[in-house]
N, C-alpha and C. Protein backbone atom coordinates (compact mmCIF):
# COMPACT_ATOMS: atom_id res chain seq x y z
N MET A 1 44.22 8.04 16.94
CA MET A 1 44.06 9.29 16.20
C MET A 1 45.04 9.37 15.04
N LYS A 2 46.21 8.78 15.19
CA LYS A 2 47.23 8.92 14.14
C LYS A 2 46.80 8.31 12.81
N ASP A 3 45.87 7.38 12.83
CA ASP A 3 45.42 6.72 11.61
C ASP A 3 44.14 7.32 11.04
N LEU A 4 43.60 8.34 11.70
CA LEU A 4 42.35 8.96 11.24
C LEU A 4 42.60 10.20 10.41
N LYS A 5 41.72 10.42 9.48
CA LYS A 5 41.69 11.65 8.69
C LYS A 5 40.64 12.58 9.29
N ALA A 6 39.49 12.01 9.56
CA ALA A 6 38.36 12.77 10.11
C ALA A 6 37.30 11.78 10.57
N VAL A 7 36.40 12.28 11.39
CA VAL A 7 35.23 11.50 11.81
C VAL A 7 34.02 12.23 11.26
N PHE A 8 33.25 11.55 10.43
CA PHE A 8 32.11 12.15 9.75
C PHE A 8 30.81 11.75 10.46
N PHE A 9 30.07 12.75 10.90
CA PHE A 9 28.76 12.54 11.50
C PHE A 9 27.75 12.76 10.38
N VAL A 10 27.07 11.69 9.96
CA VAL A 10 26.26 11.72 8.74
C VAL A 10 24.76 11.62 9.02
N ARG A 11 23.99 12.08 8.03
CA ARG A 11 22.52 11.95 8.11
C ARG A 11 22.13 10.48 8.03
N ASP A 12 22.73 9.77 7.06
CA ASP A 12 22.51 8.34 6.94
C ASP A 12 23.74 7.71 6.30
N PHE A 13 23.85 6.40 6.40
CA PHE A 13 25.04 5.71 5.93
C PHE A 13 25.02 5.41 4.43
N ILE A 14 23.89 5.61 3.79
CA ILE A 14 23.79 5.38 2.35
C ILE A 14 24.19 6.65 1.59
N GLY A 15 23.70 7.80 2.04
CA GLY A 15 24.02 9.05 1.37
C GLY A 15 23.37 9.14 0.01
N LYS A 16 23.89 10.06 -0.79
CA LYS A 16 23.43 10.24 -2.17
C LYS A 16 24.66 10.20 -3.07
N PRO A 17 25.05 9.02 -3.54
CA PRO A 17 26.29 8.90 -4.33
C PRO A 17 26.35 9.83 -5.55
N SER A 18 25.21 10.15 -6.14
CA SER A 18 25.22 10.99 -7.34
C SER A 18 25.20 12.49 -7.01
N TYR A 19 25.06 12.84 -5.72
CA TYR A 19 24.98 14.25 -5.33
C TYR A 19 26.37 14.89 -5.37
N ASP A 20 26.46 16.04 -6.03
CA ASP A 20 27.70 16.79 -6.13
C ASP A 20 27.67 17.90 -5.07
N GLU A 21 28.38 17.69 -3.98
CA GLU A 21 28.34 18.62 -2.86
C GLU A 21 28.88 20.00 -3.26
N LYS A 22 28.14 21.03 -2.86
CA LYS A 22 28.54 22.41 -3.15
C LYS A 22 29.74 22.76 -2.28
N LYS A 23 30.70 23.44 -2.86
CA LYS A 23 31.93 23.81 -2.16
C LYS A 23 31.97 25.30 -1.87
N ASP A 24 30.81 25.88 -1.55
CA ASP A 24 30.75 27.30 -1.23
C ASP A 24 29.51 27.55 -0.39
N PHE A 25 29.49 28.68 0.27
CA PHE A 25 28.32 29.07 1.07
C PHE A 25 27.28 29.72 0.17
N LEU A 26 26.01 29.53 0.49
CA LEU A 26 24.93 30.15 -0.25
C LEU A 26 24.85 31.63 0.13
N GLU A 27 24.42 32.46 -0.78
CA GLU A 27 24.24 33.88 -0.52
C GLU A 27 23.30 34.08 0.66
N GLY A 28 23.73 34.82 1.67
CA GLY A 28 22.90 35.11 2.82
C GLY A 28 22.80 33.98 3.83
N GLN A 29 23.54 32.89 3.61
CA GLN A 29 23.48 31.73 4.51
C GLN A 29 24.01 32.10 5.89
N GLN A 30 23.28 31.71 6.93
CA GLN A 30 23.73 31.90 8.31
C GLN A 30 24.91 30.96 8.57
N VAL A 31 25.95 31.50 9.18
CA VAL A 31 27.15 30.71 9.45
C VAL A 31 27.44 30.74 10.94
N LEU A 32 27.66 29.58 11.51
CA LEU A 32 28.02 29.45 12.91
C LEU A 32 29.54 29.42 13.00
N GLY A 33 30.14 30.47 13.54
CA GLY A 33 31.60 30.53 13.66
C GLY A 33 32.26 31.16 12.46
N ARG A 34 33.48 30.72 12.18
CA ARG A 34 34.27 31.26 11.07
C ARG A 34 34.26 30.31 9.88
N LYS A 35 34.24 30.89 8.69
CA LYS A 35 34.30 30.10 7.46
C LYS A 35 35.73 29.61 7.23
N VAL A 36 35.85 28.35 6.84
CA VAL A 36 37.17 27.77 6.60
C VAL A 36 37.18 26.86 5.37
N ARG A 37 38.37 26.73 4.81
CA ARG A 37 38.63 25.74 3.76
C ARG A 37 39.73 24.83 4.32
N VAL A 38 39.47 23.54 4.31
CA VAL A 38 40.44 22.57 4.83
C VAL A 38 40.97 21.76 3.67
N LEU A 39 42.29 21.74 3.51
CA LEU A 39 42.93 20.92 2.50
C LEU A 39 43.64 19.78 3.22
N PHE A 40 43.16 18.56 2.95
CA PHE A 40 43.75 17.38 3.57
C PHE A 40 45.00 16.96 2.79
N LYS A 41 45.85 16.21 3.43
CA LYS A 41 47.09 15.73 2.80
C LYS A 41 46.81 14.85 1.59
N ASP A 42 45.62 14.20 1.55
CA ASP A 42 45.28 13.35 0.41
C ASP A 42 44.65 14.13 -0.74
N GLY A 43 44.54 15.47 -0.59
CA GLY A 43 44.00 16.31 -1.66
C GLY A 43 42.53 16.68 -1.52
N GLU A 44 41.80 16.00 -0.64
CA GLU A 44 40.39 16.34 -0.46
C GLU A 44 40.27 17.73 0.17
N VAL A 45 39.22 18.45 -0.24
CA VAL A 45 38.95 19.78 0.28
C VAL A 45 37.56 19.81 0.90
N LEU A 46 37.46 20.35 2.10
CA LEU A 46 36.17 20.57 2.75
C LEU A 46 36.01 22.07 3.00
N ILE A 47 34.81 22.57 2.74
CA ILE A 47 34.48 23.97 3.01
C ILE A 47 33.37 23.97 4.06
N GLY A 48 33.54 24.80 5.07
CA GLY A 48 32.53 24.87 6.11
C GLY A 48 32.85 25.95 7.12
N SER A 49 32.29 25.78 8.30
CA SER A 49 32.55 26.75 9.36
C SER A 49 32.95 26.01 10.63
N THR A 50 33.63 26.73 11.51
CA THR A 50 34.08 26.15 12.77
C THR A 50 33.99 27.17 13.88
N LEU A 51 33.78 26.68 15.07
CA LEU A 51 33.76 27.54 16.25
C LEU A 51 35.16 27.67 16.83
N GLY A 52 36.08 26.84 16.39
CA GLY A 52 37.45 26.93 16.89
C GLY A 52 38.38 25.99 16.19
N CYS A 53 39.50 26.53 15.76
CA CYS A 53 40.52 25.72 15.10
C CYS A 53 41.86 26.15 15.69
N ASP A 54 42.45 25.28 16.48
CA ASP A 54 43.73 25.56 17.10
C ASP A 54 44.71 24.47 16.64
N PRO A 55 45.74 24.84 15.88
CA PRO A 55 46.68 23.83 15.36
C PRO A 55 47.38 23.02 16.46
N LYS A 56 47.36 23.52 17.67
CA LYS A 56 48.00 22.81 18.78
C LYS A 56 47.12 21.68 19.33
N ARG A 57 45.86 21.66 18.93
CA ARG A 57 44.94 20.63 19.40
C ARG A 57 44.89 19.49 18.38
N GLN A 58 44.31 18.36 18.76
CA GLN A 58 44.26 17.19 17.87
C GLN A 58 43.30 17.38 16.71
N GLY A 59 42.33 18.27 16.86
CA GLY A 59 41.38 18.47 15.78
C GLY A 59 40.34 19.51 16.14
N PHE A 60 39.36 19.65 15.24
CA PHE A 60 38.28 20.61 15.45
C PHE A 60 37.05 20.16 14.67
N PHE A 61 35.90 20.70 15.05
CA PHE A 61 34.65 20.38 14.36
C PHE A 61 34.42 21.37 13.22
N LEU A 62 33.98 20.84 12.10
CA LEU A 62 33.63 21.63 10.92
C LEU A 62 32.18 21.33 10.57
N PHE A 63 31.43 22.38 10.28
CA PHE A 63 30.04 22.24 9.84
C PHE A 63 30.03 22.57 8.35
N PRO A 64 29.66 21.62 7.48
CA PRO A 64 29.74 21.82 6.03
C PRO A 64 28.95 23.03 5.54
N ALA A 65 29.50 23.70 4.52
CA ALA A 65 28.85 24.85 3.92
C ALA A 65 27.55 24.46 3.21
N ASP A 66 27.53 23.28 2.61
CA ASP A 66 26.37 22.81 1.85
C ASP A 66 25.31 22.25 2.80
N PRO A 67 24.17 22.93 2.92
CA PRO A 67 23.13 22.44 3.83
C PRO A 67 22.53 21.10 3.40
N GLU A 68 22.74 20.70 2.16
CA GLU A 68 22.23 19.42 1.65
C GLU A 68 23.26 18.29 1.77
N SER A 69 24.42 18.60 2.32
CA SER A 69 25.47 17.59 2.48
C SER A 69 24.97 16.45 3.36
N ASN A 70 25.45 15.24 3.10
CA ASN A 70 25.13 14.12 3.97
C ASN A 70 25.88 14.24 5.31
N ASN A 71 26.93 15.05 5.33
CA ASN A 71 27.68 15.27 6.56
C ASN A 71 27.00 16.35 7.39
N LEU A 72 26.66 16.02 8.62
CA LEU A 72 26.09 17.01 9.54
C LEU A 72 27.20 17.84 10.16
N LYS A 73 28.28 17.15 10.55
CA LYS A 73 29.48 17.81 11.03
C LYS A 73 30.63 16.84 10.86
N VAL A 74 31.84 17.38 10.91
CA VAL A 74 33.03 16.58 10.70
C VAL A 74 34.05 16.95 11.77
N PHE A 75 34.61 15.95 12.44
CA PHE A 75 35.73 16.21 13.33
C PHE A 75 36.98 16.03 12.49
N VAL A 76 37.67 17.12 12.21
CA VAL A 76 38.86 17.12 11.36
C VAL A 76 40.08 16.84 12.24
N VAL A 77 40.86 15.85 11.87
CA VAL A 77 42.07 15.49 12.62
C VAL A 77 43.25 16.28 12.03
N MET A 78 43.86 17.11 12.87
CA MET A 78 44.90 18.03 12.39
C MET A 78 46.09 17.33 11.75
N SER A 79 46.44 16.14 12.20
CA SER A 79 47.60 15.44 11.62
C SER A 79 47.35 15.02 10.17
N ALA A 80 46.10 15.03 9.72
CA ALA A 80 45.75 14.67 8.34
C ALA A 80 45.58 15.89 7.45
N VAL A 81 45.79 17.08 8.03
CA VAL A 81 45.54 18.34 7.32
C VAL A 81 46.83 18.94 6.80
N ASN A 82 46.76 19.40 5.55
CA ASN A 82 47.88 20.11 4.95
C ASN A 82 47.78 21.60 5.23
N LYS A 83 46.53 22.14 5.16
CA LYS A 83 46.34 23.59 5.31
C LYS A 83 44.91 23.89 5.73
N VAL A 84 44.75 24.88 6.62
CA VAL A 84 43.44 25.41 6.97
C VAL A 84 43.47 26.89 6.64
N GLU A 85 42.52 27.32 5.80
CA GLU A 85 42.42 28.74 5.42
C GLU A 85 41.13 29.31 5.97
N PHE A 86 41.21 30.48 6.58
CA PHE A 86 40.02 31.18 7.02
C PHE A 86 39.52 32.02 5.85
N LEU A 87 38.23 31.93 5.58
CA LEU A 87 37.61 32.61 4.44
C LEU A 87 36.82 33.83 4.93
N ARG A 88 36.51 34.70 4.02
CA ARG A 88 35.68 35.87 4.34
C ARG A 88 34.24 35.58 4.12
């Protein structure tokens, strides 16, 4: 776990390299859990929702805000995170 940033559960391994993932929720979008913004130590930012984020645990699952994302869900490893913000 110490060498991981996250585990990405993807639709496919090719993805869409030219796709610019949306970093916000769509108006009226159904959200499972709480909205969060995750800032990784390497500067990457993920926006999504989670059913639970406890800094004392090794990580948590995030469901991307963008329904067209190649990521279905992401297991975020807390040791790779700089900050987790809960959004409204």
